[in-house]
C-alpha atoms as a PDB file:
ATOM      1  CA  UNK A   1      -2.137  26.153  -5.401  1.00  0.00           C
ATOM      2  CA  UNK A   2      -3.151  22.536  -5.833  1.00  0.00           C
ATOM      3  CA  UNK A   3      -5.628  21.079  -3.391  1.00  0.00           C
ATOM      4  CA  UNK A   4      -3.720  18.196  -1.831  1.00  0.00           C
ATOM      5  CA  UNK A   5      -6.174  15.580  -0.703  1.00  0.00           C
ATOM      6  CA  UNK A   6      -5.677  12.023   0.391  1.00  0.00           C
ATOM      7  CA  UNK A   7      -7.932   9.402   1.847  1.00  0.00           C
ATOM      8  CA  UNK A   8      -6.561   6.373   3.638  1.00  0.00           C
ATOM      9  CA  UNK A   9      -8.847   3.732   5.076  1.00  0.00           C
ATOM     10  CA  UNK A  10      -8.713   0.132   6.262  1.00  0.00           C
ATOM     11  CA  UNK A  11     -11.254  -2.623   5.906  1.00  0.00           C
ATOM     12  CA  UNK A  12     -11.249  -6.391   6.117  1.00  0.00           C
ATOM     13  CA  UNK A  13     -11.856  -8.281   2.882  1.00  0.00           C
ATOM     14  CA  UNK A  14     -14.366 -11.142   3.034  1.00  0.00           C
ATOM     15  CA  UNK A  15     -11.394 -13.540   2.643  1.00  0.00           C
ATOM     16  CA  UNK A  16      -9.692 -12.125   5.763  1.00  0.00           C
ATOM     17  CA  UNK A  17      -7.045  -9.870   4.240  1.00  0.00           C
ATOM     18  CA  UNK A  18      -6.676  -6.349   5.590  1.00  0.00           C
ATOM     19  CA  UNK A  19      -7.060  -3.829   2.770  1.00  0.00           C
ATOM     20  CA  UNK A  20      -5.464  -0.417   3.200  1.00  0.00           C
ATOM     21  CA  UNK A  21      -6.948   1.834   0.529  1.00  0.00           C
ATOM     22  CA  UNK A  22      -5.021   4.984  -0.278  1.00  0.00           C
ATOM     23  CA  UNK A  23      -6.313   7.490  -2.827  1.00  0.00           C
ATOM     24  CA  UNK A  24      -5.278  10.953  -3.949  1.00  0.00           C
ATOM     25  CA  UNK A  25      -1.907  12.649  -3.624  1.00  0.00           C
ATOM     26  CA  UNK A  26       0.565  11.075  -1.205  1.00  0.00           C
ATOM     27  CA  UNK A  27       3.186  13.663  -0.321  1.00  0.00           C
ATOM     28  CA  UNK A  28       4.814  15.462   2.602  1.00  0.00           C
ATOM     29  CA  UNK A  29       1.533  17.161   3.522  1.00  0.00           C
ATOM     30  CA  UNK A  30      -0.727  14.107   3.307  1.00  0.00           C
ATOM     31  CA  UNK A  31       1.583  11.244   4.330  1.00  0.00           C
ATOM     32  CA  UNK A  32       0.640  11.445   8.044  1.00  0.00           C
ATOM     33  CA  UNK A  33      -2.859  10.169   7.233  1.00  0.00           C
ATOM     34  CA  UNK A  34      -1.548   7.081   5.420  1.00  0.00           C
ATOM     35  CA  UNK A  35       1.116   6.611   8.106  1.00  0.00           C
ATOM     36  CA  UNK A  36      -1.600   6.583  10.776  1.00  0.00           C
ATOM     37  CA  UNK A  37      -3.569   3.881   8.948  1.00  0.00           C
ATOM     38  CA  UNK A  38      -0.435   1.744   8.468  1.00  0.00           C
ATOM     39  CA  UNK A  39       0.551   2.132  12.132  1.00  0.00           C
ATOM     40  CA  UNK A  40      -2.950   1.265  13.361  1.00  0.00           C
ATOM     41  CA  UNK A  41      -3.135  -1.877  11.224  1.00  0.00           C
ATOM     42  CA  UNK A  42      -2.460  -5.082  13.161  1.00  0.00           C
ATOM     43  CA  UNK A  43       0.256  -6.742  11.055  1.00  0.00           C
ATOM     44  CA  UNK A  44       0.734 -10.456  11.690  1.00  0.00           C
ATOM     45  CA  UNK A  45       1.159 -13.805   9.954  1.00  0.00           C
ATOM     46  CA  UNK A  46      -2.547 -14.652  10.096  1.00  0.00           C
ATOM     47  CA  UNK A  47      -3.848 -11.645   8.141  1.00  0.00           C
ATOM     48  CA  UNK A  48      -2.218 -10.554   4.896  1.00  0.00           C
ATOM     49  CA  UNK A  49      -2.155  -6.832   4.123  1.00  0.00           C
ATOM     50  CA  UNK A  50      -3.080  -5.445   0.721  1.00  0.00           C
ATOM     51  CA  UNK A  51      -2.271  -1.812  -0.008  1.00  0.00           C
ATOM     52  CA  UNK A  52      -4.866  -0.790  -2.571  1.00  0.00           C
ATOM     53  CA  UNK A  53      -3.223   2.065  -4.444  1.00  0.00           C
ATOM     54  CA  UNK A  54      -5.676   2.050  -7.355  1.00  0.00           C
ATOM     55  CA  UNK A  55      -6.817   5.552  -6.408  1.00  0.00           C
ATOM     56  CA  UNK A  56      -3.326   6.936  -5.824  1.00  0.00           C
ATOM     57  CA  UNK A  57      -2.523   9.681  -8.321  1.00  0.00           C
ATOM     58  CA  UNK A  58       0.816  10.940  -6.985  1.00  0.00           C
ATOM     59  CA  UNK A  59       3.510   9.717  -4.604  1.00  0.00           C
ATOM     60  CA  UNK A  60       6.658  11.614  -3.617  1.00  0.00           C
ATOM     61  CA  UNK A  61       9.620  10.439  -1.559  1.00  0.00           C
ATOM     62  CA  UNK A  62       7.721  10.940   1.706  1.00  0.00           C
ATOM     63  CA  UNK A  63       4.992   8.652   0.438  1.00  0.00           C
ATOM     64  CA  UNK A  64       7.551   6.094  -0.665  1.00  0.00           C
ATOM     65  CA  UNK A  65       8.906   6.150   2.888  1.00  0.00           C
ATOM     66  CA  UNK A  66       5.460   5.163   4.190  1.00  0.00           C
ATOM     67  CA  UNK A  67       5.356   2.230   1.771  1.00  0.00           C
ATOM     68  CA  UNK A  68       8.832   1.157   2.920  1.00  0.00           C
ATOM     69  CA  UNK A  69       7.787   1.365   6.575  1.00  0.00           C
ATOM     70  CA  UNK A  70       4.810  -0.899   5.797  1.00  0.00           C
ATOM     71  CA  UNK A  71       7.200  -3.326   4.103  1.00  0.00           C
ATOM     72  CA  UNK A  72       9.508  -3.297   7.134  1.00  0.00           C
ATOM     73  CA  UNK A  73       6.601  -3.996   9.508  1.00  0.00           C
ATOM     74  CA  UNK A  74       5.461  -6.851   7.292  1.00  0.00           C
ATOM     75  CA  UNK A  75       8.949  -8.355   7.308  1.00  0.00           C
ATOM     76  CA  UNK A  76       9.247  -8.114  11.106  1.00  0.00           C
ATOM     77  CA  UNK A  77       5.845  -9.681  11.716  1.00  0.00           C
ATOM     78  CA  UNK A  78       5.743 -12.321   8.995  1.00  0.00           C
ATOM     79  CA  UNK A  79       2.868 -10.601   7.193  1.00  0.00           C
ATOM     80  CA  UNK A  80       2.265 -11.221   3.504  1.00  0.00           C
ATOM     81  CA  UNK A  81       2.082  -7.804   1.843  1.00  0.00           C
ATOM     82  CA  UNK A  82       0.874  -6.866  -1.632  1.00  0.00           C
ATOM     83  CA  UNK A  83       0.573  -3.525  -3.398  1.00  0.00           C
ATOM     84  CA  UNK A  84      -2.359  -3.523  -5.783  1.00  0.00           C
ATOM     85  CA  UNK A  85      -3.632  -1.252  -8.503  1.00  0.00           C
ATOM     86  CA  UNK A  86      -0.641   1.031  -9.085  1.00  0.00           C
ATOM     87  CA  UNK A  87      -1.076   3.068 -12.240  1.00  0.00           C
ATOM     88  CA  UNK A  88       1.590   2.919 -14.964  1.00  0.00           C
ATOM     89  CA  UNK A  89       3.337   6.130 -13.870  1.00  0.00           C
ATOM     90  CA  UNK A  90       3.647   5.034 -10.243  1.00  0.00           C
ATOM     91  CA  UNK A  91       4.710   1.528 -11.276  1.00  0.00           C
ATOM     92  CA  UNK A  92       7.544   3.169 -13.193  1.00  0.00           C
ATOM     93  CA  UNK A  93       8.529   5.337 -10.192  1.00  0.00           C
ATOM     94  CA  UNK A  94       8.464   2.325  -7.859  1.00  0.00           C
ATOM     95  CA  UNK A  95      10.675   0.467 -10.334  1.00  0.00           C
ATOM     96  CA  UNK A  96      13.158   3.337 -10.620  1.00  0.00           C
ATOM     97  CA  UNK A  97      13.640   3.490  -6.845  1.00  0.00           C
ATOM     98  CA  UNK A  98      13.843  -0.304  -6.531  1.00  0.00           C
ATOM     99  CA  UNK A  99      10.554  -0.958  -4.759  1.00  0.00           C
ATOM    100  CA  UNK A 100       9.724  -3.558  -7.381  1.00  0.00           C
ATOM    101  CA  UNK A 101      12.392  -5.651  -5.625  1.00  0.00           C
ATOM    102  CA  UNK A 102      10.570  -5.388  -2.273  1.00  0.00           C
ATOM    103  CA  UNK A 103       6.892  -5.563  -3.076  1.00  0.00           C
ATOM    104  CA  UNK A 104       4.669  -8.050  -4.797  1.00  0.00           C
ATOM    105  CA  UNK A 105       2.395  -6.153  -7.164  1.00  0.00           C
ATOM    106  CA  UNK A 106      -1.033  -7.268  -8.323  1.00  0.00           C
ATOM    107  CA  UNK A 107      -3.410  -5.423 -10.652  1.00  0.00           C
ATOM    108  CA  UNK A 108      -6.472  -5.716  -8.373  1.00  0.00           C
ATOM    109  CA  UNK A 109      -7.463  -6.724  -4.863  1.00  0.00           C
ATOM    110  CA  UNK A 110      -9.155  -9.838  -6.281  1.00  0.00           C
ATOM    111  CA  UNK A 111      -5.933 -10.811  -8.088  1.00  0.00           C
ATOM    112  CA  UNK A 112      -4.017 -10.435  -4.794  1.00  0.00           C
ATOM    113  CA  UNK A 113      -6.614 -12.559  -2.951  1.00  0.00           C
ATOM    114  CA  UNK A 114      -6.260 -15.247  -5.637  1.00  0.00           C
ATOM    115  CA  UNK A 115      -2.444 -15.084  -5.337  1.00  0.00           C
ATOM    116  CA  UNK A 116      -2.742 -15.646  -1.584  1.00  0.00           C
ATOM    117  CA  UNK A 117      -4.608 -18.900  -2.250  1.00  0.00           C
ATOM    118  CA  UNK A 118      -1.943 -20.152  -4.681  1.00  0.00           C
END
């Protein structure tokens, strides 16, 4: 049996963006942790949210649902939302399910911060 581990944390970047870092395997068993962090994050127009997925190694449909719920909250609250650091396999999965039409992707947190200034 595979050890399913996930860490999900939030911190504020020095430029004011809220960074939600998610690392490990995001699936049915671990999604509640990431869901909790998303729900506890104060979305609003004054603080962009960056989901740092650079440490994410796996994401199933339950995990995708958490990403979609973050997108929906961002839309309702006028929050700028970026997904950063997706590996090639997850970028392909996100594209297949159409999430590339919802999210703005950036390779790194710094790239997303620079895009916010543009």
